[in-house]
PDB file of N, CA and C in Angstrom:
ATOM      1  N   MET A   1      33.364 124.752 186.532  1.00  0.00           N
ATOM      2  CA  MET A   1      34.467 125.634 186.189  1.00  0.00           C
ATOM      3  C   MET A   1      34.008 126.626 185.135  1.00  0.00           C
ATOM      4  N   LYS A   2      34.347 127.879 185.333  1.00  0.00           N
ATOM      5  CA  LYS A   2      34.009 128.908 184.370  1.00  0.00           C
ATOM      6  C   LYS A   2      34.968 128.823 183.175  1.00  0.00           C
ATOM      7  N   LYS A   3      34.440 129.023 181.988  1.00  0.00           N
ATOM      8  CA  LYS A   3      35.252 128.927 180.779  1.00  0.00           C
ATOM      9  C   LYS A   3      35.884 130.267 180.416  1.00  0.00           C
ATOM     10  N   SER A   4      36.975 130.186 179.661  1.00  0.00           N
ATOM     11  CA  SER A   4      37.502 131.358 178.978  1.00  0.00           C
ATOM     12  C   SER A   4      36.597 131.600 177.780  1.00  0.00           C
ATOM     13  N   VAL A   5      36.550 132.835 177.304  1.00  0.00           N
ATOM     14  CA  VAL A   5      35.753 133.154 176.123  1.00  0.00           C
ATOM     15  C   VAL A   5      36.682 133.766 175.084  1.00  0.00           C
ATOM     16  N   PHE A   6      36.708 133.162 173.903  1.00  0.00           N
ATOM     17  CA  PHE A   6      37.521 133.657 172.805  1.00  0.00           C
ATOM     18  C   PHE A   6      36.596 134.348 171.807  1.00  0.00           C
ATOM     19  N   TYR A   7      36.788 135.662 171.652  1.00  0.00           N
ATOM     20  CA  TYR A   7      35.979 136.448 170.724  1.00  0.00           C
ATOM     21  C   TYR A   7      36.764 136.684 169.448  1.00  0.00           C
ATOM     22  N   HIS A   8      36.090 136.526 168.314  1.00  0.00           N
ATOM     23  CA  HIS A   8      36.730 136.835 167.041  1.00  0.00           C
ATOM     24  C   HIS A   8      35.683 137.241 166.008  1.00  0.00           C
ATOM     25  N   ALA A   9      36.176 137.711 164.862  1.00  0.00           N
ATOM     26  CA  ALA A   9      35.273 138.210 163.823  1.00  0.00           C
ATOM     27  C   ALA A   9      35.353 137.409 162.533  1.00  0.00           C
ATOM     28  N   GLY A  10      36.129 136.346 162.529  1.00  0.00           N
ATOM     29  CA  GLY A  10      36.174 135.486 161.356  1.00  0.00           C
ATOM     30  C   GLY A  10      37.238 135.830 160.333  1.00  0.00           C
ATOM     31  N   CYS A  11      38.032 136.866 160.584  1.00  0.00           N
ATOM     32  CA  CYS A  11      39.083 137.234 159.630  1.00  0.00           C
ATOM     33  C   CYS A  11      40.223 136.204 159.715  1.00  0.00           C
ATOM     34  N   PRO A  12      41.132 136.198 158.754  1.00  0.00           N
ATOM     35  CA  PRO A  12      42.230 135.223 158.786  1.00  0.00           C
ATOM     36  C   PRO A  12      43.073 135.292 160.070  1.00  0.00           C
ATOM     37  N   VAL A  13      43.333 136.500 160.580  1.00  0.00           N
ATOM     38  CA  VAL A  13      44.096 136.643 161.822  1.00  0.00           C
ATOM     39  C   VAL A  13      43.340 135.966 162.965  1.00  0.00           C
ATOM     40  N   CYS A  14      42.026 136.185 163.005  1.00  0.00           N
ATOM     41  CA  CYS A  14      41.195 135.610 164.074  1.00  0.00           C
ATOM     42  C   CYS A  14      41.134 134.085 163.991  1.00  0.00           C
ATOM     43  N   ILE A  15      40.961 133.574 162.802  1.00  0.00           N
ATOM     44  CA  ILE A  15      40.871 132.115 162.617  1.00  0.00           C
ATOM     45  C   ILE A  15      42.189 131.459 163.008  1.00  0.00           C
ATOM     46  N   SER A  16      43.293 132.070 162.620  1.00  0.00           N
ATOM     47  CA  SER A  16      44.605 131.539 162.996  1.00  0.00           C
ATOM     48  C   SER A  16      44.766 131.534 164.514  1.00  0.00           C
ATOM     49  N   ALA A  17      44.379 132.623 165.158  1.00  0.00           N
ATOM     50  CA  ALA A  17      44.478 132.707 166.616  1.00  0.00           C
ATOM     51  C   ALA A  17      43.568 131.675 167.283  1.00  0.00           C
ATOM     52  N   GLU A  18      42.375 131.466 166.734  1.00  0.00           N
ATOM     53  CA  GLU A  18      41.455 130.460 167.288  1.00  0.00           C
ATOM     54  C   GLU A  18      42.101 129.080 167.260  1.00  0.00           C
ATOM     55  N   HIS A  19      42.713 128.735 166.153  1.00  0.00           N
ATOM     56  CA  HIS A  19      43.358 127.423 166.037  1.00  0.00           C
ATOM     57  C   HIS A  19      44.484 127.287 167.054  1.00  0.00           C
ATOM     58  N   GLU A  20      45.258 128.349 167.250  1.00  0.00           N
ATOM     59  CA  GLU A  20      46.358 128.318 168.220  1.00  0.00           C
ATOM     60  C   GLU A  20      45.820 128.152 169.641  1.00  0.00           C
ATOM     61  N   ILE A  21      44.782 128.920 169.976  1.00  0.00           N
ATOM     62  CA  ILE A  21      44.193 128.838 171.323  1.00  0.00           C
ATOM     63  C   ILE A  21      43.675 127.427 171.585  1.00  0.00           C
ATOM     64  N   LEU A  22      42.949 126.881 170.624  1.00  0.00           N
ATOM     65  CA  LEU A  22      42.393 125.538 170.810  1.00  0.00           C
ATOM     66  C   LEU A  22      43.478 124.472 170.879  1.00  0.00           C
ATOM     67  N   GLY A  23      44.627 124.742 170.273  1.00  0.00           N
ATOM     68  CA  GLY A  23      45.754 123.821 170.362  1.00  0.00           C
ATOM     69  C   GLY A  23      46.482 123.911 171.698  1.00  0.00           C
ATOM     70  N   LEU A  24      46.402 125.068 172.332  1.00  0.00           N
ATOM     71  CA  LEU A  24      47.098 125.281 173.602  1.00  0.00           C
ATOM     72  C   LEU A  24      46.248 124.936 174.824  1.00  0.00           C
ATOM     73  N   MET A  25      44.945 125.047 174.669  1.00  0.00           N
ATOM     74  CA  MET A  25      44.039 124.859 175.800  1.00  0.00           C
ATOM     75  C   MET A  25      43.109 123.684 175.541  1.00  0.00           C
ATOM     76  N   ASP A  26      42.523 123.175 176.589  1.00  0.00           N
ATOM     77  CA  ASP A  26      41.497 122.154 176.457  1.00  0.00           C
ATOM     78  C   ASP A  26      40.289 122.804 175.782  1.00  0.00           C
ATOM     79  N   PRO A  27      39.912 122.370 174.581  1.00  0.00           N
ATOM     80  CA  PRO A  27      38.796 122.997 173.871  1.00  0.00           C
ATOM     81  C   PRO A  27      37.496 123.064 174.676  1.00  0.00           C
ATOM     82  N   SER A  28      37.311 122.148 175.612  1.00  0.00           N
ATOM     83  CA  SER A  28      36.090 122.184 176.415  1.00  0.00           C
ATOM     84  C   SER A  28      36.118 123.306 177.451  1.00  0.00           C
ATOM     85  N   SER A  29      37.277 123.952 177.624  1.00  0.00           N
ATOM     86  CA  SER A  29      37.391 125.037 178.597  1.00  0.00           C
ATOM     87  C   SER A  29      37.293 126.418 177.948  1.00  0.00           C
ATOM     88  N   VAL A  30      37.015 126.432 176.630  1.00  0.00           N
ATOM     89  CA  VAL A  30      36.957 127.697 175.895  1.00  0.00           C
ATOM     90  C   VAL A  30      35.641 127.795 175.129  1.00  0.00           C
ATOM     91  N   GLU A  31      34.935 128.897 175.335  1.00  0.00           N
ATOM     92  CA  GLU A  31      33.752 129.198 174.520  1.00  0.00           C
ATOM     93  C   GLU A  31      34.221 130.073 173.364  1.00  0.00           C
ATOM     94  N   ILE A  32      33.902 129.676 172.148  1.00  0.00           N
ATOM     95  CA  ILE A  32      34.272 130.445 170.959  1.00  0.00           C
ATOM     96  C   ILE A  32      33.067 131.287 170.548  1.00  0.00           C
ATOM     97  N   VAL A  33      33.283 132.600 170.411  1.00  0.00           N
ATOM     98  CA  VAL A  33      32.209 133.500 169.997  1.00  0.00           C
ATOM     99  C   VAL A  33      32.654 134.227 168.739  1.00  0.00           C
ATOM    100  N   HIS A  34      31.973 133.957 167.639  1.00  0.00           N
ATOM    101  CA  HIS A  34      32.229 134.600 166.348  1.00  0.00           C
ATOM    102  C   HIS A  34      31.286 135.798 166.267  1.00  0.00           C
ATOM    103  N   LEU A  35      31.839 136.989 166.508  1.00  0.00           N
ATOM    104  CA  LEU A  35      31.008 138.191 166.560  1.00  0.00           C
ATOM    105  C   LEU A  35      30.431 138.584 165.205  1.00  0.00           C
ATOM    106  N   GLY A  36      31.049 138.130 164.133  1.00  0.00           N
ATOM    107  CA  GLY A  36      30.495 138.389 162.812  1.00  0.00           C
ATOM    108  C   GLY A  36      29.216 137.615 162.568  1.00  0.00           C
ATOM    109  N   GLU A  37      29.098 136.463 163.201  1.00  0.00           N
ATOM    110  CA  GLU A  37      27.906 135.622 163.053  1.00  0.00           C
ATOM    111  C   GLU A  37      26.898 135.828 164.177  1.00  0.00           C
ATOM    112  N   ASP A  38      27.352 136.304 165.330  1.00  0.00           N
ATOM    113  CA  ASP A  38      26.465 136.499 166.478  1.00  0.00           C
ATOM    114  C   ASP A  38      26.670 137.891 167.056  1.00  0.00           C
ATOM    115  N   LYS A  39      26.122 138.885 166.344  1.00  0.00           N
ATOM    116  CA  LYS A  39      26.294 140.280 166.750  1.00  0.00           C
ATOM    117  C   LYS A  39      25.642 140.586 168.095  1.00  0.00           C
ATOM    118  N   SER A  40      24.744 139.714 168.561  1.00  0.00           N
ATOM    119  CA  SER A  40      24.112 139.939 169.860  1.00  0.00           C
ATOM    120  C   SER A  40      25.121 139.834 171.005  1.00  0.00           C
ATOM    121  N   LYS A  41      26.300 139.283 170.739  1.00  0.00           N
ATOM    122  CA  LYS A  41      27.327 139.113 171.774  1.00  0.00           C
ATOM    123  C   LYS A  41      28.327 140.274 171.809  1.00  0.00           C
ATOM    124  N   ILE A  42      28.165 141.249 170.906  1.00  0.00           N
ATOM    125  CA  ILE A  42      29.106 142.380 170.866  1.00  0.00           C
ATOM    126  C   ILE A  42      29.095 143.141 172.183  1.00  0.00           C
ATOM    127  N   GLN A  43      27.917 143.434 172.704  1.00  0.00           N
ATOM    128  CA  GLN A  43      27.833 144.176 173.967  1.00  0.00           C
ATOM    129  C   GLN A  43      28.473 143.392 175.103  1.00  0.00           C
ATOM    130  N   GLN A  44      28.272 142.090 175.121  1.00  0.00           N
ATOM    131  CA  GLN A  44      28.895 141.222 176.134  1.00  0.00           C
ATOM    132  C   GLN A  44      30.410 141.344 176.063  1.00  0.00           C
ATOM    133  N   ALA A  45      30.948 141.319 174.849  1.00  0.00           N
ATOM    134  CA  ALA A  45      32.395 141.429 174.668  1.00  0.00           C
ATOM    135  C   ALA A  45      32.898 142.791 175.150  1.00  0.00           C
ATOM    136  N   GLU A  46      32.201 143.841 174.768  1.00  0.00           N
ATOM    137  CA  GLU A  46      32.610 145.179 175.186  1.00  0.00           C
ATOM    138  C   GLU A  46      32.520 145.330 176.712  1.00  0.00           C
ATOM    139  N   ASN A  47      31.475 144.787 177.304  1.00  0.00           N
ATOM    140  CA  ASN A  47      31.332 144.852 178.759  1.00  0.00           C
ATOM    141  C   ASN A  47      32.468 144.120 179.472  1.00  0.00           C
ATOM    142  N   ALA A  48      33.003 143.094 178.824  1.00  0.00           N
ATOM    143  CA  ALA A  48      34.122 142.333 179.390  1.00  0.00           C
ATOM    144  C   ALA A  48      35.450 143.072 179.229  1.00  0.00           C
ATOM    145  N   GLY A  49      35.458 144.128 178.386  1.00  0.00           N
ATOM    146  CA  GLY A  49      36.675 144.900 178.179  1.00  0.00           C
ATOM    147  C   GLY A  49      37.364 144.659 176.862  1.00  0.00           C
ATOM    148  N   VAL A  50      36.732 143.922 175.962  1.00  0.00           N
ATOM    149  CA  VAL A  50      37.331 143.645 174.651  1.00  0.00           C
ATOM    150  C   VAL A  50      37.328 144.923 173.822  1.00  0.00           C
ATOM    151  N   LYS A  51      38.504 145.308 173.343  1.00  0.00           N
ATOM    152  CA  LYS A  51      38.670 146.513 172.514  1.00  0.00           C
ATOM    153  C   LYS A  51      38.912 146.172 171.056  1.00  0.00           C
ATOM    154  N   SER A  52      39.431 144.969 170.822  1.00  0.00           N
ATOM    155  CA  SER A  52      39.689 144.502 169.465  1.00  0.00           C
ATOM    156  C   SER A  52      39.668 142.984 169.490  1.00  0.00           C
ATOM    157  N   VAL A  53      39.501 142.413 168.322  1.00  0.00           N
ATOM    158  CA  VAL A  53      39.511 140.952 168.214  1.00  0.00           C
ATOM    159  C   VAL A  53      40.659 140.548 167.304  1.00  0.00           C
ATOM    160  N   PRO A  54      41.212 139.370 167.519  1.00  0.00           N
ATOM    161  CA  PRO A  54      40.824 138.342 168.467  1.00  0.00           C
ATOM    162  C   PRO A  54      41.235 138.700 169.896  1.00  0.00           C
ATOM    163  N   ALA A  55      40.425 138.225 170.840  1.00  0.00           N
ATOM    164  CA  ALA A  55      40.703 138.451 172.254  1.00  0.00           C
ATOM    165  C   ALA A  55      40.198 137.268 173.065  1.00  0.00           C
ATOM    166  N   LEU A  56      40.928 136.958 174.114  1.00  0.00           N
ATOM    167  CA  LEU A  56      40.551 135.890 175.020  1.00  0.00           C
ATOM    168  C   LEU A  56      40.264 136.512 176.379  1.00  0.00           C
ATOM    169  N   VAL A  57      39.072 136.255 176.897  1.00  0.00           N
ATOM    170  CA  VAL A  57      38.720 136.705 178.240  1.00  0.00           C
ATOM    171  C   VAL A  57      38.848 135.490 179.158  1.00  0.00           C
ATOM    172  N   THR A  58      39.717 135.628 180.149  1.00  0.00           N
ATOM    173  CA  THR A  58      39.986 134.514 181.059  1.00  0.00           C
ATOM    174  C   THR A  58      38.873 134.390 182.098  1.00  0.00           C
ATOM    175  N   PRO A  59      38.807 133.253 182.777  1.00  0.00           N
ATOM    176  CA  PRO A  59      37.777 133.083 183.811  1.00  0.00           C
ATOM    177  C   PRO A  59      37.857 134.129 184.935  1.00  0.00           C
ATOM    178  N   THR A  60      39.027 134.729 185.131  1.00  0.00           N
ATOM    179  CA  THR A  60      39.169 135.760 186.162  1.00  0.00           C
ATOM    180  C   THR A  60      38.832 137.154 185.642  1.00  0.00           C
ATOM    181  N   GLY A  61      38.484 137.248 184.348  1.00  0.00           N
ATOM    182  CA  GLY A  61      38.078 138.527 183.772  1.00  0.00           C
ATOM    183  C   GLY A  61      39.168 139.307 183.081  1.00  0.00           C
ATOM    184  N   ASN A  62      40.374 138.754 183.013  1.00  0.00           N
ATOM    185  CA  ASN A  62      41.442 139.427 182.278  1.00  0.00           C
ATOM    186  C   ASN A  62      41.184 139.300 180.785  1.00  0.00           C
ATOM    187  N   VAL A  63      41.440 140.379 180.054  1.00  0.00           N
ATOM    188  CA  VAL A  63      41.273 140.374 178.602  1.00  0.00           C
ATOM    189  C   VAL A  63      42.649 140.325 177.969  1.00  0.00           C
ATOM    190  N   LEU A  64      42.882 139.281 177.175  1.00  0.00           N
ATOM    191  CA  LEU A  64      44.144 139.115 176.463  1.00  0.00           C
ATOM    192  C   LEU A  64      43.886 139.412 174.996  1.00  0.00           C
ATOM    193  N   HIS A  65      44.307 140.591 174.556  1.00  0.00           N
ATOM    194  CA  HIS A  65      44.149 140.953 173.147  1.00  0.00           C
ATOM    195  C   HIS A  65      45.284 140.279 172.376  1.00  0.00           C
ATOM    196  N   ILE A  66      44.918 139.503 171.368  1.00  0.00           N
ATOM    197  CA  ILE A  66      45.862 138.673 170.636  1.00  0.00           C
ATOM    198  C   ILE A  66      46.009 139.235 169.223  1.00  0.00           C
ATOM    199  N   ASN A  67      47.250 139.625 168.885  1.00  0.00           N
ATOM    200  CA  ASN A  67      47.473 140.170 167.554  1.00  0.00           C
ATOM    201  C   ASN A  67      46.529 141.337 167.333  1.00  0.00           C
ATOM    202  N   TYR A  68      46.161 141.619 166.109  1.00  0.00           N
ATOM    203  CA  TYR A  68      45.159 142.652 165.838  1.00  0.00           C
ATOM    204  C   TYR A  68      44.451 142.265 164.554  1.00  0.00           C
ATOM    205  N   GLY A  69      43.175 141.956 164.685  1.00  0.00           N
ATOM    206  CA  GLY A  69      42.372 141.601 163.525  1.00  0.00           C
ATOM    207  C   GLY A  69      41.420 142.722 163.145  1.00  0.00           C
ATOM    208  N   ALA A  70      40.665 143.212 164.146  1.00  0.00           N
ATOM    209  CA  ALA A  70      39.689 144.265 163.901  1.00  0.00           C
ATOM    210  C   ALA A  70      39.325 144.932 165.213  1.00  0.00           C
ATOM    211  N   SER A  71      39.045 146.236 165.136  1.00  0.00           N
ATOM    212  CA  SER A  71      38.550 146.944 166.310  1.00  0.00           C
ATOM    213  C   SER A  71      37.082 146.581 166.516  1.00  0.00           C
ATOM    214  N   MET A  72      36.573 146.857 167.683  1.00  0.00           N
ATOM    215  CA  MET A  72      35.150 146.585 167.929  1.00  0.00           C
ATOM    216  C   MET A  72      34.287 147.468 167.041  1.00  0.00           C
ATOM    217  N   ALA A  73      34.751 148.681 166.702  1.00  0.00           N
ATOM    218  CA  ALA A  73      34.006 149.549 165.787  1.00  0.00           C
ATOM    219  C   ALA A  73      33.879 148.876 164.424  1.00  0.00           C
ATOM    220  N   ASP A  74      34.951 148.228 163.975  1.00  0.00           N
ATOM    221  CA  ASP A  74      34.908 147.503 162.702  1.00  0.00           C
ATOM    222  C   ASP A  74      33.932 146.336 162.775  1.00  0.00           C
ATOM    223  N   VAL A  75      33.919 145.648 163.910  1.00  0.00           N
ATOM    224  CA  VAL A  75      33.033 144.496 164.079  1.00  0.00           C
ATOM    225  C   VAL A  75      31.579 144.942 164.042  1.00  0.00           C
ATOM    226  N   LYS A  76      31.300 146.074 164.658  1.00  0.00           N
ATOM    227  CA  LYS A  76      29.923 146.592 164.682  1.00  0.00           C
ATOM    228  C   LYS A  76      29.442 146.961 163.287  1.00  0.00           C
ATOM    229  N   GLY A  77      30.398 147.329 162.428  1.00  0.00           N
ATOM    230  CA  GLY A  77      30.055 147.652 161.041  1.00  0.00           C
ATOM    231  C   GLY A  77      29.537 149.003 160.942  1.00  0.00           C
TER     232      GLY A  77
END
């Protein structure tokens, strides 16, 4: 089974959203990607359609932008 991917940048909004997602979904079905710690995944996130974080990319490729923590430009620094 393909996992959902939750992208975030480590800000309080992102951490709160991560906790909510993990509480709602089976944690083994979600890959957590902290873009502040793993900048090599920024292009992957953008290619998936992520415009801001926190965002959840579903196994079908839908991007669910959750709240608003930071734009991808902010994440890139």
